[in-house]
Amino acid sequence: MWFTEEVGELASALLRGDPEQVGEEFGDVLAWLCTLASIAGIDLEQVAVDKYAQGCPKCHHIPCQCPEPRSG
């Protein structure tokens, strides 16, 4: 639930356009994501490398250049 709250705070900060607060909220989201992955026994770095080392799984660009938003 804390992670979800932090994602909401990040979304709000992005809408307000406050760069300092956006940075703080990204940090909070990342910290909670890493914590949850650790609790679940997931090597978050390895999972990300396995999936995204070659760029976007669909368009293969870094950053993604897909014409529509991707999910998952």
N, C-alpha and C. Protein backbone atom coordinates (compact mmCIF):
# COMPACT_ATOMS: atom_id res chain seq x y z
N MET A 1 0.82 -1.19 0.00
CA MET A 1 0.00 0.00 0.00
C MET A 1 0.87 1.26 0.00
N TRP A 2 2.03 1.19 0.67
CA TRP A 2 2.92 2.36 0.69
C TRP A 2 3.42 2.67 -0.72
N PHE A 3 3.73 1.61 -1.46
CA PHE A 3 4.22 1.80 -2.82
C PHE A 3 3.16 2.51 -3.67
N THR A 4 1.94 2.06 -3.57
CA THR A 4 0.85 2.67 -4.34
C THR A 4 0.67 4.13 -3.97
N GLU A 5 0.77 4.43 -2.68
CA GLU A 5 0.66 5.82 -2.24
C GLU A 5 1.77 6.67 -2.84
N GLU A 6 2.99 6.13 -2.86
CA GLU A 6 4.12 6.88 -3.42
C GLU A 6 3.96 7.10 -4.92
N VAL A 7 3.43 6.11 -5.63
CA VAL A 7 3.18 6.29 -7.08
C VAL A 7 2.17 7.41 -7.29
N GLY A 8 1.14 7.46 -6.46
CA GLY A 8 0.16 8.54 -6.54
C GLY A 8 0.78 9.90 -6.29
N GLU A 9 1.67 9.96 -5.29
CA GLU A 9 2.36 11.23 -5.00
C GLU A 9 3.27 11.63 -6.17
N LEU A 10 3.90 10.65 -6.81
CA LEU A 10 4.72 10.95 -7.98
C LEU A 10 3.86 11.51 -9.11
N ALA A 11 2.71 10.88 -9.34
CA ALA A 11 1.82 11.37 -10.40
C ALA A 11 1.38 12.80 -10.13
N SER A 12 1.06 13.10 -8.89
CA SER A 12 0.66 14.46 -8.54
C SER A 12 1.79 15.45 -8.75
N ALA A 13 3.00 15.06 -8.35
CA ALA A 13 4.16 15.95 -8.52
C ALA A 13 4.44 16.19 -10.00
N LEU A 14 4.29 15.15 -10.82
CA LEU A 14 4.50 15.32 -12.27
C LEU A 14 3.48 16.29 -12.85
N LEU A 15 2.24 16.19 -12.39
CA LEU A 15 1.20 17.11 -12.88
C LEU A 15 1.48 18.55 -12.47
N ARG A 16 2.00 18.74 -11.25
CA ARG A 16 2.33 20.08 -10.77
C ARG A 16 3.57 20.64 -11.46
N GLY A 17 4.45 19.76 -11.92
CA GLY A 17 5.64 20.20 -12.63
C GLY A 17 6.73 20.77 -11.74
N ASP A 18 6.78 20.35 -10.49
CA ASP A 18 7.81 20.81 -9.56
C ASP A 18 8.99 19.85 -9.62
N PRO A 19 10.08 20.24 -10.31
CA PRO A 19 11.21 19.31 -10.51
C PRO A 19 11.81 18.75 -9.22
N GLU A 20 11.91 19.58 -8.18
CA GLU A 20 12.49 19.10 -6.93
C GLU A 20 11.60 18.01 -6.31
N GLN A 21 10.30 18.27 -6.26
CA GLN A 21 9.40 17.29 -5.68
C GLN A 21 9.31 16.04 -6.56
N VAL A 22 9.35 16.21 -7.88
CA VAL A 22 9.33 15.05 -8.78
C VAL A 22 10.52 14.14 -8.46
N GLY A 23 11.69 14.74 -8.29
CA GLY A 23 12.88 13.96 -7.96
C GLY A 23 12.72 13.21 -6.65
N GLU A 24 12.20 13.88 -5.64
CA GLU A 24 11.98 13.23 -4.35
C GLU A 24 11.01 12.07 -4.47
N GLU A 25 9.94 12.27 -5.22
CA GLU A 25 8.93 11.21 -5.35
C GLU A 25 9.46 10.03 -6.16
N PHE A 26 10.26 10.30 -7.20
CA PHE A 26 10.88 9.19 -7.93
C PHE A 26 11.76 8.37 -6.98
N GLY A 27 12.49 9.06 -6.12
CA GLY A 27 13.33 8.37 -5.13
C GLY A 27 12.50 7.50 -4.20
N ASP A 28 11.38 8.03 -3.73
CA ASP A 28 10.50 7.26 -2.85
C ASP A 28 9.94 6.03 -3.56
N VAL A 29 9.49 6.21 -4.80
CA VAL A 29 8.93 5.09 -5.57
C VAL A 29 10.00 4.02 -5.79
N LEU A 30 11.19 4.45 -6.16
CA LEU A 30 12.26 3.49 -6.40
C LEU A 30 12.62 2.72 -5.13
N ALA A 31 12.70 3.43 -4.00
CA ALA A 31 13.04 2.79 -2.74
C ALA A 31 12.00 1.74 -2.36
N TRP A 32 10.71 2.07 -2.49
CA TRP A 32 9.67 1.11 -2.15
C TRP A 32 9.64 -0.05 -3.13
N LEU A 33 9.86 0.21 -4.41
CA LEU A 33 9.89 -0.87 -5.40
C LEU A 33 11.02 -1.85 -5.08
N CYS A 34 12.19 -1.33 -4.77
CA CYS A 34 13.33 -2.19 -4.42
C CYS A 34 13.05 -2.97 -3.15
N THR A 35 12.42 -2.34 -2.18
CA THR A 35 12.08 -3.02 -0.94
C THR A 35 11.11 -4.17 -1.19
N LEU A 36 10.07 -3.91 -1.96
CA LEU A 36 9.10 -4.97 -2.25
C LEU A 36 9.72 -6.12 -3.03
N ALA A 37 10.58 -5.80 -3.99
CA ALA A 37 11.27 -6.85 -4.75
C ALA A 37 12.14 -7.68 -3.82
N SER A 38 12.86 -7.04 -2.92
CA SER A 38 13.71 -7.74 -1.98
C SER A 38 12.89 -8.67 -1.08
N ILE A 39 11.79 -8.18 -0.56
CA ILE A 39 10.91 -9.00 0.29
C ILE A 39 10.41 -10.23 -0.48
N ALA A 40 10.13 -10.04 -1.76
CA ALA A 40 9.62 -11.13 -2.60
C ALA A 40 10.72 -12.05 -3.11
N GLY A 41 11.98 -11.72 -2.81
CA GLY A 41 13.09 -12.55 -3.26
C GLY A 41 13.44 -12.36 -4.74
N ILE A 42 13.12 -11.21 -5.26
CA ILE A 42 13.35 -10.91 -6.68
C ILE A 42 14.62 -10.07 -6.82
N ASP A 43 15.50 -10.48 -7.75
CA ASP A 43 16.67 -9.68 -8.08
C ASP A 43 16.22 -8.68 -9.14
N LEU A 44 15.83 -7.52 -8.71
CA LEU A 44 15.23 -6.51 -9.58
C LEU A 44 16.17 -6.12 -10.71
N GLU A 45 17.44 -5.98 -10.41
CA GLU A 45 18.41 -5.61 -11.44
C GLU A 45 18.47 -6.68 -12.54
N GLN A 46 18.51 -7.94 -12.15
CA GLN A 46 18.59 -9.01 -13.15
C GLN A 46 17.32 -9.10 -13.98
N VAL A 47 16.18 -8.93 -13.34
CA VAL A 47 14.91 -8.97 -14.06
C VAL A 47 14.88 -7.86 -15.12
N ALA A 48 15.31 -6.66 -14.74
CA ALA A 48 15.30 -5.54 -15.68
C ALA A 48 16.28 -5.77 -16.82
N VAL A 49 17.47 -6.27 -16.51
CA VAL A 49 18.46 -6.55 -17.56
C VAL A 49 17.93 -7.61 -18.51
N ASP A 50 17.36 -8.68 -17.96
CA ASP A 50 16.84 -9.75 -18.81
C ASP A 50 15.77 -9.25 -19.77
N LYS A 51 14.93 -8.36 -19.31
CA LYS A 51 13.81 -7.91 -20.14
C LYS A 51 14.16 -6.73 -21.05
N TYR A 52 15.03 -5.81 -20.58
CA TYR A 52 15.22 -4.55 -21.30
C TYR A 52 16.63 -4.28 -21.80
N ALA A 53 17.54 -5.23 -21.69
CA ALA A 53 18.92 -5.00 -22.12
C ALA A 53 19.02 -4.62 -23.60
N GLN A 54 18.12 -5.14 -24.39
CA GLN A 54 18.12 -4.85 -25.83
C GLN A 54 17.16 -3.72 -26.18
N GLY A 55 16.71 -2.97 -25.18
CA GLY A 55 15.76 -1.88 -25.40
C GLY A 55 14.34 -2.35 -25.18
N CYS A 56 13.41 -1.58 -25.64
CA CYS A 56 12.00 -1.92 -25.52
C CYS A 56 11.76 -3.30 -26.14
N PRO A 57 11.07 -4.20 -25.44
CA PRO A 57 10.81 -5.53 -26.00
C PRO A 57 10.02 -5.50 -27.31
N LYS A 58 9.28 -4.42 -27.56
CA LYS A 58 8.47 -4.34 -28.77
C LYS A 58 9.21 -3.63 -29.91
N CYS A 59 9.72 -2.41 -29.66
CA CYS A 59 10.34 -1.64 -30.74
C CYS A 59 11.87 -1.71 -30.74
N HIS A 60 12.45 -2.23 -29.64
CA HIS A 60 13.90 -2.41 -29.48
C HIS A 60 14.69 -1.10 -29.43
N HIS A 61 14.02 0.02 -29.15
CA HIS A 61 14.71 1.30 -29.01
C HIS A 61 14.90 1.65 -27.53
N ILE A 62 15.94 2.45 -27.26
CA ILE A 62 16.18 3.01 -25.93
C ILE A 62 16.28 4.52 -26.10
N PRO A 63 15.33 5.30 -25.56
CA PRO A 63 14.09 4.89 -24.91
C PRO A 63 13.08 4.37 -25.92
N CYS A 64 12.04 3.79 -25.40
CA CYS A 64 10.97 3.24 -26.23
C CYS A 64 10.43 4.30 -27.20
N GLN A 65 10.18 3.86 -28.43
CA GLN A 65 9.59 4.75 -29.43
C GLN A 65 8.29 4.18 -29.99
N CYS A 66 7.67 3.30 -29.21
CA CYS A 66 6.39 2.73 -29.64
C CYS A 66 5.36 3.85 -29.80
N PRO A 67 4.48 3.74 -30.80
CA PRO A 67 3.51 4.80 -31.03
C PRO A 67 2.43 4.90 -29.95
N GLU A 68 2.17 3.85 -29.20
CA GLU A 68 1.16 3.92 -28.15
C GLU A 68 1.78 3.45 -26.83
N PRO A 69 1.19 3.86 -25.71
CA PRO A 69 1.72 3.43 -24.42
C PRO A 69 1.71 1.91 -24.28
N ARG A 70 2.75 1.40 -23.64
CA ARG A 70 2.85 -0.04 -23.41
C ARG A 70 2.40 -0.36 -22.00
N SER A 71 1.87 -1.51 -21.81
CA SER A 71 1.58 -2.00 -20.47
C SER A 71 2.36 -3.29 -20.26
N GLY A 72 2.87 -3.45 -19.04
CA GLY A 72 3.62 -4.67 -18.70
C GLY A 72 4.90 -4.65 -19.35
